[in-house]
Structure formats: C-alpha cells, structure tokens
N, C-alpha and C. Protein backbone atom coordinates (compact mmCIF):
# COMPACT_ATOMS: atom_id res chain seq x y z
N UNK A 1 0.84 -1.17 0.00
CA UNK A 1 0.00 0.00 0.00
C UNK A 1 0.89 1.25 0.00
N UNK A 2 0.50 2.25 -0.77
CA UNK A 2 1.26 3.47 -0.89
C UNK A 2 0.95 4.39 0.29
N UNK A 3 1.95 4.76 1.07
CA UNK A 3 1.76 5.59 2.25
C UNK A 3 1.97 7.07 1.97
N UNK A 4 2.19 7.46 0.72
CA UNK A 4 2.41 8.85 0.35
C UNK A 4 1.10 9.62 0.55
N UNK A 5 1.13 10.66 1.36
CA UNK A 5 -0.06 11.45 1.64
C UNK A 5 0.17 12.87 1.15
N UNK A 6 -0.88 13.45 0.62
CA UNK A 6 -0.85 14.83 0.17
C UNK A 6 -1.29 15.71 1.32
N UNK A 7 -0.64 16.85 1.51
CA UNK A 7 -1.03 17.77 2.57
C UNK A 7 -2.09 18.71 2.04
N UNK A 8 -3.27 18.66 2.66
CA UNK A 8 -4.37 19.53 2.25
C UNK A 8 -4.90 20.25 3.49
N UNK A 9 -5.59 21.37 3.29
CA UNK A 9 -6.14 22.11 4.44
C UNK A 9 -7.11 21.27 5.26
N UNK A 10 -7.27 21.64 6.52
CA UNK A 10 -8.12 20.89 7.46
C UNK A 10 -9.56 20.76 6.95
N UNK A 11 -10.12 21.84 6.38
CA UNK A 11 -11.49 21.80 5.87
C UNK A 11 -11.60 20.74 4.76
N UNK A 12 -10.61 20.71 3.90
CA UNK A 12 -10.61 19.74 2.81
C UNK A 12 -10.42 18.32 3.35
N UNK A 13 -9.65 18.16 4.43
CA UNK A 13 -9.46 16.84 5.02
C UNK A 13 -10.80 16.29 5.51
N UNK A 14 -11.62 17.15 6.10
CA UNK A 14 -12.93 16.71 6.58
C UNK A 14 -13.81 16.28 5.42
N UNK A 15 -13.75 16.99 4.31
CA UNK A 15 -14.53 16.63 3.13
C UNK A 15 -14.09 15.26 2.61
N UNK A 16 -12.77 15.06 2.53
CA UNK A 16 -12.24 13.78 2.05
C UNK A 16 -12.64 12.65 2.98
N UNK A 17 -12.54 12.87 4.29
CA UNK A 17 -12.89 11.81 5.26
C UNK A 17 -14.35 11.41 5.15
N UNK A 18 -15.25 12.39 5.02
CA UNK A 18 -16.68 12.06 4.87
C UNK A 18 -16.93 11.29 3.58
N UNK A 19 -16.30 11.72 2.50
CA UNK A 19 -16.47 11.02 1.22
C UNK A 19 -15.90 9.60 1.32
N UNK A 20 -14.78 9.45 2.00
CA UNK A 20 -14.16 8.14 2.17
C UNK A 20 -15.07 7.21 2.97
N UNK A 21 -15.68 7.73 4.02
CA UNK A 21 -16.60 6.91 4.82
C UNK A 21 -17.79 6.44 3.99
N UNK A 22 -18.36 7.35 3.21
CA UNK A 22 -19.50 6.97 2.35
C UNK A 22 -19.07 5.93 1.32
N UNK A 23 -17.90 6.14 0.72
CA UNK A 23 -17.42 5.23 -0.31
C UNK A 23 -17.15 3.84 0.27
N UNK A 24 -16.47 3.79 1.41
CA UNK A 24 -16.15 2.51 2.05
C UNK A 24 -17.42 1.76 2.42
N UNK A 25 -18.38 2.45 2.98
CA UNK A 25 -19.63 1.76 3.36
C UNK A 25 -20.38 1.25 2.13
N UNK A 26 -20.33 1.99 1.03
CA UNK A 26 -21.01 1.51 -0.18
C UNK A 26 -20.31 0.29 -0.78
N UNK A 27 -18.98 0.25 -0.68
CA UNK A 27 -18.24 -0.93 -1.17
C UNK A 27 -18.56 -2.14 -0.29
N UNK A 28 -18.55 -1.94 1.03
CA UNK A 28 -18.81 -3.04 1.95
C UNK A 28 -20.26 -3.54 1.87
N UNK A 29 -21.20 -2.65 1.58
CA UNK A 29 -22.60 -3.04 1.46
C UNK A 29 -22.88 -3.70 0.11
N UNK A 30 -21.98 -3.52 -0.83
CA UNK A 30 -22.17 -4.11 -2.14
C UNK A 30 -22.91 -3.20 -3.11
N UNK A 31 -23.19 -1.97 -2.70
CA UNK A 31 -23.88 -1.05 -3.61
C UNK A 31 -22.93 -0.35 -4.57
N UNK A 32 -21.63 -0.48 -4.33
CA UNK A 32 -20.61 0.03 -5.22
C UNK A 32 -19.71 -1.15 -5.58
N UNK A 33 -19.36 -1.30 -6.86
CA UNK A 33 -18.56 -2.47 -7.24
C UNK A 33 -17.17 -2.47 -6.61
N UNK A 34 -16.74 -3.63 -6.21
CA UNK A 34 -15.41 -3.80 -5.64
C UNK A 34 -14.47 -4.30 -6.74
N UNK A 35 -13.18 -4.15 -6.52
CA UNK A 35 -12.20 -4.63 -7.49
C UNK A 35 -12.35 -6.13 -7.70
N UNK A 36 -11.87 -6.60 -8.82
CA UNK A 36 -11.98 -8.02 -9.15
C UNK A 36 -11.27 -8.90 -8.13
N UNK A 37 -10.18 -8.39 -7.54
CA UNK A 37 -9.45 -9.19 -6.56
C UNK A 37 -10.08 -9.11 -5.17
N UNK A 38 -11.13 -8.29 -5.02
CA UNK A 38 -11.83 -8.20 -3.74
C UNK A 38 -11.10 -7.41 -2.68
N UNK A 39 -10.05 -6.69 -3.04
CA UNK A 39 -9.26 -5.94 -2.08
C UNK A 39 -9.89 -4.56 -1.84
N UNK A 40 -10.89 -4.53 -0.99
CA UNK A 40 -11.62 -3.29 -0.71
C UNK A 40 -10.74 -2.27 0.01
N UNK A 41 -9.78 -2.73 0.80
CA UNK A 41 -8.90 -1.82 1.54
C UNK A 41 -8.03 -1.03 0.56
N UNK A 42 -7.43 -1.73 -0.40
CA UNK A 42 -6.59 -1.05 -1.39
C UNK A 42 -7.44 -0.12 -2.25
N UNK A 43 -8.63 -0.56 -2.59
CA UNK A 43 -9.53 0.27 -3.39
C UNK A 43 -9.89 1.54 -2.62
N UNK A 44 -10.15 1.39 -1.35
CA UNK A 44 -10.49 2.52 -0.51
C UNK A 44 -9.30 3.48 -0.38
N UNK A 45 -8.10 2.93 -0.26
CA UNK A 45 -6.90 3.74 -0.17
C UNK A 45 -6.69 4.55 -1.46
N UNK A 46 -6.91 3.91 -2.60
CA UNK A 46 -6.80 4.61 -3.89
C UNK A 46 -7.82 5.74 -3.97
N UNK A 47 -9.01 5.49 -3.44
CA UNK A 47 -10.06 6.51 -3.45
C UNK A 47 -9.64 7.72 -2.62
N UNK A 48 -9.05 7.47 -1.46
CA UNK A 48 -8.61 8.57 -0.59
C UNK A 48 -7.54 9.40 -1.29
N UNK A 49 -6.58 8.75 -1.93
CA UNK A 49 -5.53 9.47 -2.65
C UNK A 49 -6.12 10.34 -3.75
N UNK A 50 -7.06 9.79 -4.51
CA UNK A 50 -7.68 10.55 -5.59
C UNK A 50 -8.49 11.72 -5.04
N UNK A 51 -9.21 11.50 -3.95
CA UNK A 51 -10.01 12.57 -3.35
C UNK A 51 -9.11 13.68 -2.80
N UNK A 52 -8.00 13.31 -2.18
CA UNK A 52 -7.06 14.31 -1.66
C UNK A 52 -6.46 15.12 -2.80
N UNK A 53 -6.09 14.44 -3.89
CA UNK A 53 -5.53 15.14 -5.04
C UNK A 53 -6.56 16.11 -5.62
N UNK A 54 -7.81 15.69 -5.73
CA UNK A 54 -8.86 16.55 -6.27
C UNK A 54 -9.10 17.77 -5.38
N UNK A 55 -9.09 17.58 -4.08
CA UNK A 55 -9.28 18.71 -3.15
C UNK A 55 -8.09 19.67 -3.22
N UNK A 56 -6.88 19.12 -3.31
CA UNK A 56 -5.70 19.98 -3.42
C UNK A 56 -5.77 20.81 -4.69
N UNK A 57 -6.10 20.18 -5.80
CA UNK A 57 -6.23 20.90 -7.07
C UNK A 57 -7.30 21.97 -6.99
N UNK A 58 -8.44 21.64 -6.37
CA UNK A 58 -9.53 22.62 -6.24
C UNK A 58 -9.08 23.83 -5.42
N UNK A 59 -8.34 23.59 -4.35
CA UNK A 59 -7.83 24.70 -3.54
C UNK A 59 -6.84 25.55 -4.33
N UNK A 60 -5.97 24.90 -5.10
CA UNK A 60 -5.00 25.64 -5.91
C UNK A 60 -5.69 26.46 -7.00
N UNK A 61 -6.69 25.88 -7.64
CA UNK A 61 -7.45 26.61 -8.67
C UNK A 61 -8.16 27.79 -8.01
N UNK A 62 -8.77 27.58 -6.87
CA UNK A 62 -9.47 28.65 -6.15
C UNK A 62 -8.51 29.81 -5.83
N UNK A 63 -7.30 29.48 -5.43
CA UNK A 63 -6.31 30.52 -5.12
C UNK A 63 -5.98 31.35 -6.36
N UNK A 64 -5.78 30.69 -7.50
CA UNK A 64 -5.49 31.40 -8.75
C UNK A 64 -6.67 32.30 -9.11
N UNK A 65 -7.88 31.80 -8.97
CA UNK A 65 -9.07 32.59 -9.32
C UNK A 65 -9.20 33.82 -8.43
N UNK A 66 -8.93 33.64 -7.16
CA UNK A 66 -9.03 34.78 -6.23
C UNK A 66 -7.95 35.82 -6.53
N UNK A 67 -6.76 35.37 -6.93
CA UNK A 67 -5.68 36.30 -7.27
C UNK A 67 -6.00 37.09 -8.54
N UNK A 68 -6.80 36.51 -9.44
CA UNK A 68 -7.17 37.18 -10.69
C UNK A 68 -8.48 37.93 -10.59
N UNK A 69 -9.13 37.91 -9.44
CA UNK A 69 -10.37 38.64 -9.25
C UNK A 69 -11.55 38.07 -10.03
N UNK A 70 -11.56 36.78 -10.23
CA UNK A 70 -12.66 36.13 -10.93
C UNK A 70 -13.89 36.15 -10.02
N UNK A 71 -15.04 36.44 -10.62
CA UNK A 71 -16.28 36.48 -9.84
C UNK A 71 -16.62 35.09 -9.32
N UNK A 72 -17.21 35.06 -8.14
CA UNK A 72 -17.53 33.80 -7.47
C UNK A 72 -18.42 32.90 -8.33
N UNK A 73 -19.32 33.47 -9.07
CA UNK A 73 -20.25 32.68 -9.87
C UNK A 73 -19.52 31.91 -10.99
N UNK A 74 -18.33 32.34 -11.34
CA UNK A 74 -17.57 31.67 -12.39
C UNK A 74 -16.60 30.62 -11.87
N UNK A 75 -16.55 30.39 -10.57
CA UNK A 75 -15.62 29.41 -10.02
C UNK A 75 -15.88 28.00 -10.54
N UNK A 76 -17.13 27.62 -10.70
CA UNK A 76 -17.45 26.24 -11.11
C UNK A 76 -16.90 25.91 -12.49
N UNK A 77 -17.10 26.75 -13.51
CA UNK A 77 -16.50 26.40 -14.81
C UNK A 77 -14.97 26.31 -14.77
N UNK A 78 -14.34 27.18 -13.99
CA UNK A 78 -12.88 27.12 -13.88
C UNK A 78 -12.45 25.84 -13.14
N UNK A 79 -13.21 25.45 -12.14
CA UNK A 79 -12.89 24.19 -11.43
C UNK A 79 -13.06 23.01 -12.39
N UNK A 80 -14.09 23.05 -13.21
CA UNK A 80 -14.30 21.99 -14.20
C UNK A 80 -13.13 21.93 -15.18
N UNK A 81 -12.60 23.09 -15.55
CA UNK A 81 -11.41 23.13 -16.40
C UNK A 81 -10.25 22.45 -15.68
N UNK A 82 -10.10 22.73 -14.39
CA UNK A 82 -9.04 22.09 -13.60
C UNK A 82 -9.20 20.58 -13.54
N UNK A 83 -10.44 20.11 -13.37
CA UNK A 83 -10.69 18.66 -13.36
C UNK A 83 -10.35 18.04 -14.71
N UNK A 84 -10.70 18.76 -15.78
CA UNK A 84 -10.39 18.28 -17.13
C UNK A 84 -8.88 18.18 -17.32
N UNK A 85 -8.15 19.21 -16.88
CA UNK A 85 -6.69 19.18 -16.99
C UNK A 85 -6.08 18.06 -16.15
N UNK A 86 -6.62 17.84 -14.96
CA UNK A 86 -6.11 16.77 -14.11
C UNK A 86 -6.21 15.43 -14.82
N UNK A 87 -7.32 15.20 -15.48
CA UNK A 87 -7.49 13.95 -16.22
C UNK A 87 -6.51 13.87 -17.38
N UNK A 88 -6.31 14.98 -18.08
CA UNK A 88 -5.35 14.98 -19.19
C UNK A 88 -3.94 14.68 -18.69
N UNK A 89 -3.56 15.29 -17.57
CA UNK A 89 -2.21 15.09 -17.02
C UNK A 89 -2.00 13.64 -16.60
N UNK A 90 -3.03 13.01 -16.07
CA UNK A 90 -2.90 11.61 -15.64
C UNK A 90 -2.84 10.64 -16.82
N UNK A 91 -3.44 11.01 -17.96
CA UNK A 91 -3.55 10.07 -19.07
C UNK A 91 -2.61 10.33 -20.24
N UNK A 92 -1.97 11.50 -20.29
CA UNK A 92 -1.14 11.85 -21.45
C UNK A 92 0.16 12.50 -21.00
N UNK A 93 1.09 12.60 -21.93
CA UNK A 93 2.36 13.28 -21.65
C UNK A 93 2.94 13.82 -22.95
N UNK A 94 4.00 14.61 -22.80
CA UNK A 94 4.74 15.10 -23.95
C UNK A 94 3.94 16.00 -24.88
N UNK A 95 4.18 15.84 -26.17
CA UNK A 95 3.54 16.68 -27.19
C UNK A 95 2.03 16.48 -27.22
N UNK A 96 1.60 15.24 -26.95
CA UNK A 96 0.16 14.97 -26.94
C UNK A 96 -0.51 15.78 -25.83
N UNK A 97 0.08 15.78 -24.65
CA UNK A 97 -0.47 16.55 -23.54
C UNK A 97 -0.50 18.03 -23.89
N UNK A 98 0.57 18.54 -24.44
CA UNK A 98 0.63 19.97 -24.81
C UNK A 98 -0.47 20.33 -25.78
N UNK A 99 -0.67 19.51 -26.81
CA UNK A 99 -1.72 19.79 -27.80
C UNK A 99 -3.11 19.72 -27.18
N UNK A 100 -3.33 18.76 -26.32
CA UNK A 100 -4.64 18.64 -25.67
C UNK A 100 -4.90 19.79 -24.71
N UNK A 101 -3.87 20.27 -24.03
CA UNK A 101 -4.02 21.42 -23.12
C UNK A 101 -4.36 22.67 -23.92
N UNK A 102 -3.67 22.89 -25.03
CA UNK A 102 -3.98 24.05 -25.88
C UNK A 102 -5.40 23.98 -26.42
N UNK A 103 -5.83 22.79 -26.81
CA UNK A 103 -7.21 22.60 -27.29
C UNK A 103 -8.21 22.86 -26.17
N UNK A 104 -7.87 22.43 -24.96
CA UNK A 104 -8.76 22.65 -23.81
C UNK A 104 -8.88 24.14 -23.50
N UNK A 105 -7.80 24.87 -23.61
CA UNK A 105 -7.85 26.32 -23.37
C UNK A 105 -8.77 26.98 -24.40
N UNK A 106 -8.64 26.60 -25.66
CA UNK A 106 -9.53 27.15 -26.69
C UNK A 106 -10.99 26.79 -26.41
N UNK A 107 -11.23 25.55 -26.04
CA UNK A 107 -12.58 25.06 -25.77
C UNK A 107 -13.22 25.83 -24.62
N UNK A 108 -12.50 25.97 -23.50
CA UNK A 108 -13.06 26.63 -22.33
C UNK A 108 -13.13 28.14 -22.52
N UNK A 109 -12.27 28.70 -23.37
CA UNK A 109 -12.36 30.12 -23.70
C UNK A 109 -13.65 30.39 -24.47
N UNK A 110 -14.06 29.46 -25.30
CA UNK A 110 -15.32 29.59 -26.04
C UNK A 110 -16.52 29.64 -25.10
N UNK A 111 -16.37 29.11 -23.90
CA UNK A 111 -17.44 29.16 -22.90
C UNK A 111 -17.39 30.45 -22.08
N UNK A 112 -16.49 31.35 -22.43
CA UNK A 112 -16.45 32.65 -21.77
C UNK A 112 -15.41 32.79 -20.67
N UNK A 113 -14.57 31.77 -20.49
CA UNK A 113 -13.52 31.87 -19.48
C UNK A 113 -12.33 32.64 -20.06
N UNK A 114 -11.63 33.34 -19.19
CA UNK A 114 -10.51 34.17 -19.63
C UNK A 114 -9.27 33.31 -19.89
N UNK A 115 -8.70 33.41 -21.10
CA UNK A 115 -7.54 32.55 -21.44
C UNK A 115 -6.33 32.80 -20.54
N UNK A 116 -6.12 34.03 -20.08
CA UNK A 116 -4.96 34.29 -19.22
C UNK A 116 -5.11 33.59 -17.88
N UNK A 117 -6.33 33.47 -17.38
CA UNK A 117 -6.57 32.75 -16.13
C UNK A 117 -6.37 31.25 -16.35
N UNK A 118 -6.86 30.75 -17.48
CA UNK A 118 -6.69 29.32 -17.80
C UNK A 118 -5.21 28.97 -17.90
N UNK A 119 -4.44 29.83 -18.54
CA UNK A 119 -2.99 29.59 -18.66
C UNK A 119 -2.30 29.62 -17.30
N UNK A 120 -2.78 30.52 -16.44
CA UNK A 120 -2.21 30.60 -15.09
C UNK A 120 -2.52 29.34 -14.28
N UNK A 121 -3.72 28.80 -14.45
CA UNK A 121 -4.07 27.53 -13.81
C UNK A 121 -3.15 26.43 -14.31
N UNK A 122 -2.92 26.40 -15.61
CA UNK A 122 -2.00 25.40 -16.18
C UNK A 122 -0.62 25.53 -15.56
N UNK A 123 -0.15 26.76 -15.44
CA UNK A 123 1.21 27.00 -14.96
C UNK A 123 1.35 26.74 -13.47
N UNK A 124 0.46 27.29 -12.65
CA UNK A 124 0.62 27.20 -11.20
C UNK A 124 0.15 25.89 -10.61
N UNK A 125 -0.94 25.34 -11.14
CA UNK A 125 -1.51 24.14 -10.54
C UNK A 125 -0.90 22.87 -11.12
N UNK A 126 -0.66 22.88 -12.44
CA UNK A 126 -0.21 21.65 -13.10
C UNK A 126 1.21 21.74 -13.65
N UNK A 127 1.89 22.87 -13.44
CA UNK A 127 3.27 23.07 -13.91
C UNK A 127 3.39 22.83 -15.43
N UNK A 128 2.40 23.34 -16.17
CA UNK A 128 2.40 23.21 -17.63
C UNK A 128 2.50 24.58 -18.25
N UNK A 129 3.35 24.72 -19.25
CA UNK A 129 3.43 25.97 -20.00
C UNK A 129 2.52 25.84 -21.22
N UNK A 130 1.51 26.69 -21.29
CA UNK A 130 0.55 26.64 -22.39
C UNK A 130 0.63 27.92 -23.19
N UNK A 131 1.58 27.98 -24.10
CA UNK A 131 1.75 29.18 -24.94
C UNK A 131 1.43 28.87 -26.37
C-alpha cells in the first residue's frame, strides 16, 4: 500500500474523510462495485488518494481565481477546467499533452472563461506551460 499522503487544508481533510466513509460503506454493502481481486482496503486507499488530489487541485485553482479577481459565480467552470486538466495530465504526456491542453484552453475560452486565467491555472496548478 502506498503511504504517500498529500497535505491539504483541514477543511478539505474533513470533506475527504466524509467522502471516504460513504465510499467505504457503499463498497462493503455491495452497492458500489469492488475490485476483481476483492481488495476493498486497497480500493479505498486509492479513493482517498484521488479525493485528496482533487481537493488539493480545487484549492490551488481557487487561489489562482481569487488572485485574478474572478467572480464567485464563475468558479465552477474554472474548477471543471481544472478537473479536465487533471485527467489529461494523468492520461497523457509530452507533445500529446501539450496539444490537448492548448485545445482545452480554446474550448473553455469559447465558454467565456478568460484565457490568461486558464494559462495561469495550467502554470501554477499543473506546472504546464501553455503558450
């Protein structure tokens, strides 16, 4: 089991813990599918790591948005952009990742998000240069 833990704020830790409790109980009750090998503990541990990573990314995106003076009502689309980038970073690398990130910036800009803020999210949250 991987013991690497991400440091997240206390409020976010509470969110992750509640989600983890709900997830674990659903796996144990059989209402959520378990891994083929039946290792619910490892599955639960993977869930906690993913939830912590998602909360950390959300906090980092929120910080960038607040620094750029983005209106509160627009936080959700920017967070969705961050979730989209997180998935791209986990599944791609190199030139493919760069091209997909540039396409994502164009796509989300078409929805009215500011490209300079999107690029800043790429740079500060995901350490990607999107020029």
